[in-house]
Each structure stands twice: as C-alpha cells, then as structure tokens.
Amino acid sequence: MLCRLVHTPRRVRFRWADFVLPSTLQLTPLMELLIEPVGCLVTCQRVELGLHEALVNAVRHGNSEDPSKQVRVRRILTPNWLIWQVQDEGVGLPDHARQSVLPEQLDARSGRGLFLIHQCFDDVRWSRRGNRLQLACRRPVNDGDNLDP
C-alpha cells in the first residue's frame, strides 16, 4: 500500500494522504488508516460503515475483484470537513444507478450499499465517469479531544 501525506502551510490547515492498494477485500488495515483522524467515536463509526461500503463496491463492482487492478483513496482534511475520494479502474456507475434508495425487495441480495453510503455522509458526489466517489462529513466539534458522543 502506497501512502503519501502532504502538508501545506499552517495558515491553510489543509492536508491530504493518498492510498493505493490492490483490488482486495482485505480492508481492515486500510480502514484503520482512513478513519484515524476522525476523533469522535460516533462519527468514526458512521464513516467506517460508509467507507467500507464504498470500498467493497469499488473492489466488487468497479474492479470485478481483479487483484491486478487498484483502488485509490485520497483522504483530505480541512478545518471544517473530512473528505475521502474512492476511485476504481472500472467503467463507472451510470447516472441512473447512483440512487440512494433501498431496493424494493428488502431481501434483495444487493442494492443497500449506496443507501448506506448516503446515510453515513453529509455530502456524496460522483465523478462524471462514475468510477470515483467523493464522501464528506463535517468535522465534529472538538473532534481532536472527544472520543465519546
């Protein structure tokens, strides 16, 4: 896994890190790195669930579980937002399939992931091609010192 942390001048307080990994469902080590700066336990749990869904979708649907393909994640930290961009090497999800609704049949084998992603984040955006998903949540108040709700 490739990781790069870039710091900009202090006055801006904007940082990002890039993570590149083979298309695999072994996500635990990556998840720990991605959610590390969240701080607040409730927000951390929400973000972890949403990111897990996005990463599984990228591996399974975007890259067709092909280990020769890669998933790229950029984590961006700003004073007010925590942002993650998840990108796969697939053809992308068409506009009409990017809905955040539950499937009509609740026992359907798939279709709940996008709904969960939209519930977990304050802002969800797709690239034009549909193979990059940007997920953002507002920084919790006192996120650096608060590990409990």
N, C-alpha and C. Protein backbone atom coordinates (compact mmCIF):
# COMPACT_ATOMS: atom_id res chain seq x y z
N MET A 1 0.85 -1.17 0.00
CA MET A 1 0.00 0.00 0.00
C MET A 1 0.89 1.23 0.00
N LEU A 2 0.62 2.15 -0.89
CA LEU A 2 1.35 3.40 -1.00
C LEU A 2 0.60 4.45 -0.19
N CYS A 3 1.33 5.19 0.61
CA CYS A 3 0.71 6.25 1.40
C CYS A 3 1.58 7.49 1.30
N ARG A 4 0.97 8.62 1.05
CA ARG A 4 1.70 9.87 0.97
C ARG A 4 0.93 10.91 1.76
N LEU A 5 1.59 11.57 2.66
CA LEU A 5 0.97 12.63 3.45
C LEU A 5 1.61 13.94 3.02
N VAL A 6 0.80 14.89 2.62
CA VAL A 6 1.30 16.17 2.15
C VAL A 6 0.76 17.25 3.08
N HIS A 7 1.67 18.05 3.60
CA HIS A 7 1.27 19.15 4.47
C HIS A 7 1.41 20.45 3.70
N THR A 8 0.45 21.32 3.85
CA THR A 8 0.53 22.65 3.28
C THR A 8 0.82 23.62 4.42
N PRO A 9 1.10 24.87 4.12
CA PRO A 9 1.44 25.82 5.20
C PRO A 9 0.39 25.84 6.31
N ARG A 10 0.85 26.14 7.51
CA ARG A 10 -0.02 26.11 8.70
C ARG A 10 -1.27 26.97 8.57
N ARG A 11 -1.17 28.10 7.96
CA ARG A 11 -2.31 29.01 7.90
C ARG A 11 -3.50 28.40 7.15
N VAL A 12 -3.25 27.46 6.25
CA VAL A 12 -4.33 26.86 5.48
C VAL A 12 -4.94 25.68 6.22
N ARG A 13 -4.14 24.89 6.92
CA ARG A 13 -4.60 23.71 7.66
C ARG A 13 -5.37 22.75 6.75
N PHE A 14 -4.77 22.45 5.62
CA PHE A 14 -5.35 21.55 4.63
C PHE A 14 -4.33 20.45 4.38
N ARG A 15 -4.71 19.18 4.60
CA ARG A 15 -3.78 18.06 4.41
C ARG A 15 -4.46 16.97 3.62
N TRP A 16 -3.67 16.20 2.89
CA TRP A 16 -4.24 15.03 2.23
C TRP A 16 -3.23 13.90 2.25
N ALA A 17 -3.75 12.70 2.10
CA ALA A 17 -2.92 11.49 2.00
C ALA A 17 -3.53 10.61 0.93
N ASP A 18 -2.68 10.01 0.12
CA ASP A 18 -3.12 9.09 -0.93
C ASP A 18 -2.79 7.66 -0.54
N PHE A 19 -3.72 6.76 -0.79
CA PHE A 19 -3.55 5.34 -0.51
C PHE A 19 -3.88 4.57 -1.79
N VAL A 20 -3.00 3.69 -2.21
CA VAL A 20 -3.21 2.87 -3.40
C VAL A 20 -3.03 1.42 -2.98
N LEU A 21 -4.03 0.59 -3.29
CA LEU A 21 -3.95 -0.80 -2.89
C LEU A 21 -4.50 -1.70 -3.98
N PRO A 22 -4.06 -2.97 -3.98
CA PRO A 22 -4.63 -3.91 -4.94
C PRO A 22 -6.11 -4.12 -4.64
N SER A 23 -6.85 -4.49 -5.64
CA SER A 23 -8.29 -4.69 -5.51
C SER A 23 -8.55 -5.97 -4.71
N THR A 24 -8.66 -5.83 -3.40
CA THR A 24 -8.87 -6.95 -2.50
C THR A 24 -9.86 -6.54 -1.41
N LEU A 25 -10.49 -7.53 -0.80
CA LEU A 25 -11.43 -7.24 0.29
C LEU A 25 -10.76 -7.27 1.67
N GLN A 26 -9.45 -7.36 1.71
CA GLN A 26 -8.70 -7.28 2.96
C GLN A 26 -8.57 -5.80 3.34
N LEU A 27 -9.61 -5.24 3.94
CA LEU A 27 -9.72 -3.80 4.12
C LEU A 27 -9.37 -3.28 5.51
N THR A 28 -9.23 -4.15 6.49
CA THR A 28 -9.06 -3.70 7.87
C THR A 28 -7.87 -2.76 8.07
N PRO A 29 -6.67 -3.10 7.60
CA PRO A 29 -5.54 -2.17 7.83
C PRO A 29 -5.77 -0.81 7.18
N LEU A 30 -6.34 -0.80 5.99
CA LEU A 30 -6.62 0.46 5.31
C LEU A 30 -7.68 1.26 6.07
N MET A 31 -8.73 0.60 6.52
CA MET A 31 -9.80 1.30 7.24
C MET A 31 -9.25 2.02 8.46
N GLU A 32 -8.34 1.37 9.18
CA GLU A 32 -7.78 1.99 10.37
C GLU A 32 -7.03 3.28 10.02
N LEU A 33 -6.30 3.26 8.91
CA LEU A 33 -5.58 4.46 8.48
C LEU A 33 -6.54 5.56 8.01
N LEU A 34 -7.58 5.16 7.30
CA LEU A 34 -8.51 6.14 6.74
C LEU A 34 -9.31 6.89 7.81
N ILE A 35 -9.71 6.19 8.86
CA ILE A 35 -10.55 6.83 9.87
C ILE A 35 -9.77 7.40 11.05
N GLU A 36 -8.46 7.18 11.07
CA GLU A 36 -7.62 7.61 12.19
C GLU A 36 -7.82 9.07 12.59
N PRO A 37 -7.92 10.02 11.65
CA PRO A 37 -8.05 11.42 12.09
C PRO A 37 -9.45 11.86 12.51
N VAL A 38 -10.44 10.98 12.48
CA VAL A 38 -11.83 11.40 12.76
C VAL A 38 -11.99 11.87 14.19
N GLY A 39 -11.54 11.10 15.17
CA GLY A 39 -11.59 11.53 16.56
C GLY A 39 -12.85 11.19 17.31
N CYS A 40 -14.00 11.62 16.89
CA CYS A 40 -15.26 11.40 17.58
C CYS A 40 -15.76 9.97 17.31
N LEU A 41 -16.09 9.24 18.35
CA LEU A 41 -16.49 7.84 18.23
C LEU A 41 -17.72 7.65 17.35
N VAL A 42 -18.75 8.47 17.55
CA VAL A 42 -19.99 8.32 16.77
C VAL A 42 -19.71 8.59 15.28
N THR A 43 -19.00 9.67 15.00
CA THR A 43 -18.67 9.99 13.61
C THR A 43 -17.78 8.91 13.02
N CYS A 44 -16.86 8.41 13.80
CA CYS A 44 -15.94 7.36 13.36
C CYS A 44 -16.70 6.10 12.94
N GLN A 45 -17.68 5.70 13.71
CA GLN A 45 -18.48 4.51 13.38
C GLN A 45 -19.27 4.72 12.09
N ARG A 46 -19.84 5.89 11.95
CA ARG A 46 -20.62 6.23 10.75
C ARG A 46 -19.73 6.22 9.51
N VAL A 47 -18.58 6.87 9.61
CA VAL A 47 -17.64 6.96 8.49
C VAL A 47 -17.10 5.58 8.13
N GLU A 48 -16.79 4.79 9.13
CA GLU A 48 -16.26 3.44 8.86
C GLU A 48 -17.26 2.60 8.09
N LEU A 49 -18.53 2.64 8.46
CA LEU A 49 -19.55 1.88 7.75
C LEU A 49 -19.67 2.37 6.30
N GLY A 50 -19.76 3.67 6.10
CA GLY A 50 -19.90 4.21 4.76
C GLY A 50 -18.68 3.95 3.88
N LEU A 51 -17.48 4.13 4.45
CA LEU A 51 -16.26 3.86 3.68
C LEU A 51 -16.14 2.39 3.32
N HIS A 52 -16.50 1.52 4.25
CA HIS A 52 -16.45 0.08 3.97
C HIS A 52 -17.34 -0.25 2.78
N GLU A 53 -18.54 0.28 2.76
CA GLU A 53 -19.46 0.04 1.64
C GLU A 53 -18.87 0.56 0.33
N ALA A 54 -18.28 1.76 0.36
CA ALA A 54 -17.70 2.34 -0.85
C ALA A 54 -16.52 1.52 -1.36
N LEU A 55 -15.68 1.05 -0.45
CA LEU A 55 -14.52 0.26 -0.85
C LEU A 55 -14.93 -1.11 -1.38
N VAL A 56 -15.89 -1.75 -0.74
CA VAL A 56 -16.37 -3.04 -1.22
C VAL A 56 -16.99 -2.88 -2.62
N ASN A 57 -17.76 -1.82 -2.82
CA ASN A 57 -18.33 -1.56 -4.14
C ASN A 57 -17.23 -1.35 -5.19
N ALA A 58 -16.18 -0.62 -4.83
CA ALA A 58 -15.08 -0.37 -5.77
C ALA A 58 -14.39 -1.68 -6.15
N VAL A 59 -14.16 -2.54 -5.18
CA VAL A 59 -13.48 -3.81 -5.44
C VAL A 59 -14.40 -4.76 -6.22
N ARG A 60 -15.60 -4.96 -5.72
CA ARG A 60 -16.52 -5.95 -6.32
C ARG A 60 -17.10 -5.51 -7.64
N HIS A 61 -17.67 -4.34 -7.67
CA HIS A 61 -18.40 -3.90 -8.86
C HIS A 61 -17.51 -3.12 -9.83
N GLY A 62 -16.69 -2.22 -9.31
CA GLY A 62 -15.83 -1.43 -10.19
C GLY A 62 -14.71 -2.24 -10.81
N ASN A 63 -13.96 -2.95 -9.97
CA ASN A 63 -12.80 -3.70 -10.45
C ASN A 63 -13.08 -5.19 -10.64
N SER A 64 -14.30 -5.61 -10.46
CA SER A 64 -14.69 -7.02 -10.64
C SER A 64 -13.79 -7.98 -9.87
N GLU A 65 -13.35 -7.56 -8.68
CA GLU A 65 -12.48 -8.35 -7.81
C GLU A 65 -11.21 -8.83 -8.51
N ASP A 66 -10.72 -8.04 -9.44
CA ASP A 66 -9.50 -8.35 -10.18
C ASP A 66 -8.31 -7.80 -9.39
N PRO A 67 -7.47 -8.67 -8.79
CA PRO A 67 -6.37 -8.19 -7.96
C PRO A 67 -5.28 -7.45 -8.74
N SER A 68 -5.31 -7.53 -10.07
CA SER A 68 -4.32 -6.78 -10.86
C SER A 68 -4.73 -5.31 -10.99
N LYS A 69 -5.98 -5.01 -10.64
CA LYS A 69 -6.45 -3.62 -10.67
C LYS A 69 -6.25 -3.00 -9.29
N GLN A 70 -6.32 -1.68 -9.24
CA GLN A 70 -6.08 -0.97 -7.99
C GLN A 70 -7.28 -0.12 -7.58
N VAL A 71 -7.35 0.12 -6.29
CA VAL A 71 -8.29 1.08 -5.72
C VAL A 71 -7.45 2.21 -5.14
N ARG A 72 -7.84 3.42 -5.45
CA ARG A 72 -7.13 4.60 -4.94
C ARG A 72 -8.07 5.35 -3.99
N VAL A 73 -7.51 5.75 -2.87
CA VAL A 73 -8.27 6.53 -1.90
C VAL A 73 -7.45 7.76 -1.55
N ARG A 74 -8.07 8.91 -1.61
CA ARG A 74 -7.44 10.15 -1.14
C ARG A 74 -8.25 10.63 0.05
N ARG A 75 -7.55 10.85 1.15
CA ARG A 75 -8.17 11.40 2.36
C ARG A 75 -7.75 12.86 2.45
N ILE A 76 -8.73 13.74 2.52
CA ILE A 76 -8.48 15.18 2.57
C ILE A 76 -9.03 15.72 3.89
N LEU A 77 -8.20 16.42 4.61
CA LEU A 77 -8.60 17.01 5.89
C LEU A 77 -8.55 18.52 5.76
N THR A 78 -9.67 19.15 6.03
CA THR A 78 -9.74 20.61 6.02
C THR A 78 -10.22 21.05 7.40
N PRO A 79 -10.20 22.34 7.69
CA PRO A 79 -10.67 22.77 9.00
C PRO A 79 -12.11 22.38 9.31
N ASN A 80 -12.97 22.30 8.29
CA ASN A 80 -14.39 22.03 8.52
C ASN A 80 -14.88 20.69 8.01
N TRP A 81 -14.10 20.01 7.16
CA TRP A 81 -14.58 18.80 6.50
C TRP A 81 -13.54 17.68 6.56
N LEU A 82 -14.05 16.46 6.58
CA LEU A 82 -13.26 15.23 6.40
C LEU A 82 -13.76 14.63 5.08
N ILE A 83 -12.87 14.43 4.13
CA ILE A 83 -13.27 14.02 2.78
C ILE A 83 -12.46 12.79 2.36
N TRP A 84 -13.15 11.85 1.73
CA TRP A 84 -12.49 10.68 1.16
C TRP A 84 -12.94 10.53 -0.29
N GLN A 85 -12.00 10.31 -1.18
CA GLN A 85 -12.30 10.04 -2.58
C GLN A 85 -11.88 8.60 -2.87
N VAL A 86 -12.82 7.78 -3.31
CA VAL A 86 -12.57 6.36 -3.59
C VAL A 86 -12.72 6.18 -5.10
N GLN A 87 -11.64 5.68 -5.73
CA GLN A 87 -11.65 5.52 -7.19
C GLN A 87 -11.22 4.11 -7.57
N ASP A 88 -11.97 3.51 -8.49
CA ASP A 88 -11.60 2.19 -9.01
C ASP A 88 -11.23 2.33 -10.48
N GLU A 89 -10.86 1.21 -11.10
CA GLU A 89 -10.46 1.22 -12.51
C GLU A 89 -11.58 0.73 -13.43
N GLY A 90 -12.78 0.68 -12.94
CA GLY A 90 -13.91 0.20 -13.73
C GLY A 90 -14.44 1.24 -14.70
N VAL A 91 -15.48 0.85 -15.42
CA VAL A 91 -16.09 1.73 -16.42
C VAL A 91 -16.96 2.81 -15.77
N GLY A 92 -17.29 2.65 -14.52
CA GLY A 92 -18.07 3.66 -13.82
C GLY A 92 -19.53 3.29 -13.71
N LEU A 93 -20.17 3.86 -12.73
CA LEU A 93 -21.59 3.63 -12.48
C LEU A 93 -22.40 4.68 -13.24
N PRO A 94 -23.37 4.25 -14.08
CA PRO A 94 -24.15 5.24 -14.83
C PRO A 94 -25.01 6.11 -13.90
N ASP A 95 -25.34 7.29 -14.38
CA ASP A 95 -26.13 8.26 -13.59
C ASP A 95 -27.38 7.64 -12.98
N HIS A 96 -28.13 6.89 -13.77
CA HIS A 96 -29.41 6.36 -13.28
C HIS A 96 -29.24 5.32 -12.16
N ALA A 97 -28.04 4.77 -11.98
CA ALA A 97 -27.81 3.76 -10.95
C ALA A 97 -27.25 4.34 -9.66
N ARG A 98 -27.07 5.64 -9.58
CA ARG A 98 -26.44 6.28 -8.42
C ARG A 98 -27.46 6.70 -7.36
N GLN A 99 -28.56 6.03 -7.30
CA GLN A 99 -29.64 6.41 -6.39
C GLN A 99 -29.33 5.97 -4.96
N SER A 100 -29.88 6.72 -4.02
CA SER A 100 -29.65 6.42 -2.61
C SER A 100 -30.93 5.90 -1.96
N VAL A 101 -31.58 4.96 -2.64
CA VAL A 101 -32.82 4.39 -2.10
C VAL A 101 -32.62 2.90 -1.83
N LEU A 102 -33.42 2.40 -0.92
CA LEU A 102 -33.38 0.97 -0.63
C LEU A 102 -34.01 0.21 -1.80
N PRO A 103 -33.57 -1.04 -2.02
CA PRO A 103 -34.21 -1.82 -3.07
C PRO A 103 -35.67 -2.10 -2.71
N GLU A 104 -36.50 -2.25 -3.73
CA GLU A 104 -37.92 -2.50 -3.48
C GLU A 104 -38.13 -3.79 -2.69
N GLN A 105 -37.37 -4.81 -2.99
CA GLN A 105 -37.46 -6.06 -2.25
C GLN A 105 -36.40 -6.03 -1.15
N LEU A 106 -36.84 -5.98 0.09
CA LEU A 106 -35.90 -5.84 1.20
C LEU A 106 -34.98 -7.05 1.37
N ASP A 107 -35.36 -8.19 0.82
CA ASP A 107 -34.49 -9.37 0.91
C ASP A 107 -33.58 -9.51 -0.31
N ALA A 108 -33.48 -8.46 -1.13
CA ALA A 108 -32.62 -8.49 -2.31
C ALA A 108 -31.16 -8.70 -1.87
N ARG A 109 -30.39 -9.38 -2.71
CA ARG A 109 -29.00 -9.70 -2.37
C ARG A 109 -28.08 -8.49 -2.44
N SER A 110 -28.50 -7.44 -3.14
CA SER A 110 -27.66 -6.25 -3.23
C SER A 110 -28.56 -5.02 -3.34
N GLY A 111 -27.91 -3.85 -3.32
CA GLY A 111 -28.68 -2.61 -3.51
C GLY A 111 -28.77 -1.73 -2.28
N ARG A 112 -28.25 -2.18 -1.15
CA ARG A 112 -28.33 -1.36 0.06
C ARG A 112 -27.10 -0.50 0.29
N GLY A 113 -26.00 -0.82 -0.39
CA GLY A 113 -24.74 -0.12 -0.17
C GLY A 113 -24.80 1.37 -0.42
N LEU A 114 -25.35 1.77 -1.56
CA LEU A 114 -25.42 3.20 -1.87
C LEU A 114 -26.34 3.93 -0.89
N PHE A 115 -27.41 3.27 -0.47
CA PHE A 115 -28.30 3.87 0.53
C PHE A 115 -27.52 4.13 1.82
N LEU A 116 -26.77 3.14 2.27
CA LEU A 116 -25.97 3.29 3.50
C LEU A 116 -24.93 4.39 3.35
N ILE A 117 -24.27 4.45 2.21
CA ILE A 117 -23.26 5.48 1.99
C ILE A 117 -23.89 6.86 2.14
N HIS A 118 -25.05 7.07 1.55
CA HIS A 118 -25.71 8.38 1.64
C HIS A 118 -26.17 8.68 3.06
N GLN A 119 -26.48 7.66 3.85
CA GLN A 119 -26.88 7.88 5.24
C GLN A 119 -25.69 8.23 6.13
N CYS A 120 -24.51 7.76 5.76
CA CYS A 120 -23.31 7.92 6.60
C CYS A 120 -22.57 9.24 6.38
N PHE A 121 -22.78 9.88 5.25
CA PHE A 121 -22.02 11.09 4.93
C PHE A 121 -22.93 12.28 4.70
N ASP A 122 -22.39 13.46 4.96
CA ASP A 122 -23.14 14.70 4.76
C ASP A 122 -23.19 15.11 3.29
N ASP A 123 -22.21 14.66 2.52
CA ASP A 123 -22.16 15.03 1.10
C ASP A 123 -21.57 13.86 0.32
N VAL A 124 -22.24 13.46 -0.76
CA VAL A 124 -21.79 12.37 -1.63
C VAL A 124 -21.82 12.88 -3.06
N ARG A 125 -20.68 12.77 -3.75
CA ARG A 125 -20.59 13.25 -5.13
C ARG A 125 -19.88 12.21 -5.99
N TRP A 126 -20.28 12.14 -7.24
CA TRP A 126 -19.70 11.21 -8.21
C TRP A 126 -18.91 11.98 -9.26
N SER A 127 -17.85 11.35 -9.77
CA SER A 127 -17.16 11.92 -10.93
C SER A 127 -18.07 11.75 -12.14
N ARG A 128 -17.80 12.50 -13.17
CA ARG A 128 -18.62 12.42 -14.38
C ARG A 128 -18.66 10.99 -14.91
N ARG A 129 -17.50 10.33 -14.93
CA ARG A 129 -17.42 8.96 -15.44
C ARG A 129 -18.12 7.96 -14.53
N GLY A 130 -18.15 8.25 -13.23
CA GLY A 130 -18.84 7.37 -12.29
C GLY A 130 -17.95 6.33 -11.65
N ASN A 131 -16.64 6.46 -11.75
CA ASN A 131 -15.74 5.50 -11.10
C ASN A 131 -14.99 6.12 -9.92
N ARG A 132 -15.35 7.35 -9.55
CA ARG A 132 -14.79 7.97 -8.36
C ARG A 132 -15.93 8.56 -7.54
N LEU A 133 -15.90 8.24 -6.27
CA LEU A 133 -16.93 8.67 -5.33
C LEU A 133 -16.27 9.55 -4.29
N GLN A 134 -16.80 10.75 -4.08
CA GLN A 134 -16.29 11.63 -3.04
C GLN A 134 -17.28 11.66 -1.89
N LEU A 135 -16.78 11.35 -0.70
CA LEU A 135 -17.60 11.25 0.51
C LEU A 135 -17.08 12.25 1.51
N ALA A 136 -17.98 13.05 2.08
CA ALA A 136 -17.54 14.08 3.02
C ALA A 136 -18.46 14.15 4.22
N CYS A 137 -17.85 14.42 5.37
CA CYS A 137 -18.64 14.70 6.56
C CYS A 137 -18.05 15.93 7.24
N ARG A 138 -18.93 16.67 7.87
CA ARG A 138 -18.46 17.84 8.62
C ARG A 138 -17.63 17.37 9.80
N ARG A 139 -16.61 18.12 10.12
CA ARG A 139 -15.79 17.77 11.29
C ARG A 139 -16.63 17.91 12.54
N PRO A 140 -16.58 16.91 13.41
CA PRO A 140 -17.30 17.04 14.68
C PRO A 140 -16.67 18.15 15.53
N VAL A 141 -17.48 18.79 16.34
CA VAL A 141 -16.97 19.82 17.25
C VAL A 141 -16.02 19.13 18.22
N ASN A 142 -14.87 19.74 18.45
CA ASN A 142 -13.86 19.18 19.36
C ASN A 142 -13.46 17.76 18.96
N ASP A 143 -13.36 17.48 17.66
CA ASP A 143 -13.06 16.12 17.23
C ASP A 143 -11.71 15.62 17.71
N GLY A 144 -10.79 16.52 17.98
CA GLY A 144 -9.47 16.07 18.42
C GLY A 144 -9.46 15.52 19.83
N ASP A 145 -10.34 15.98 20.72
CA ASP A 145 -10.30 15.53 22.09
C ASP A 145 -11.49 14.69 22.51
N ASN A 146 -12.45 14.50 21.64
CA ASN A 146 -13.68 13.84 22.07
C ASN A 146 -13.79 12.45 21.45
N LEU A 147 -13.65 11.42 22.28
CA LEU A 147 -13.77 10.06 21.78
C LEU A 147 -15.14 9.47 22.10
N ASP A 148 -15.96 10.19 22.80
CA ASP A 148 -17.30 9.72 23.13
C ASP A 148 -18.32 10.72 22.61
N PRO A 149 -19.56 10.26 22.36
CA PRO A 149 -20.58 11.18 21.86
C PRO A 149 -20.89 12.27 22.85
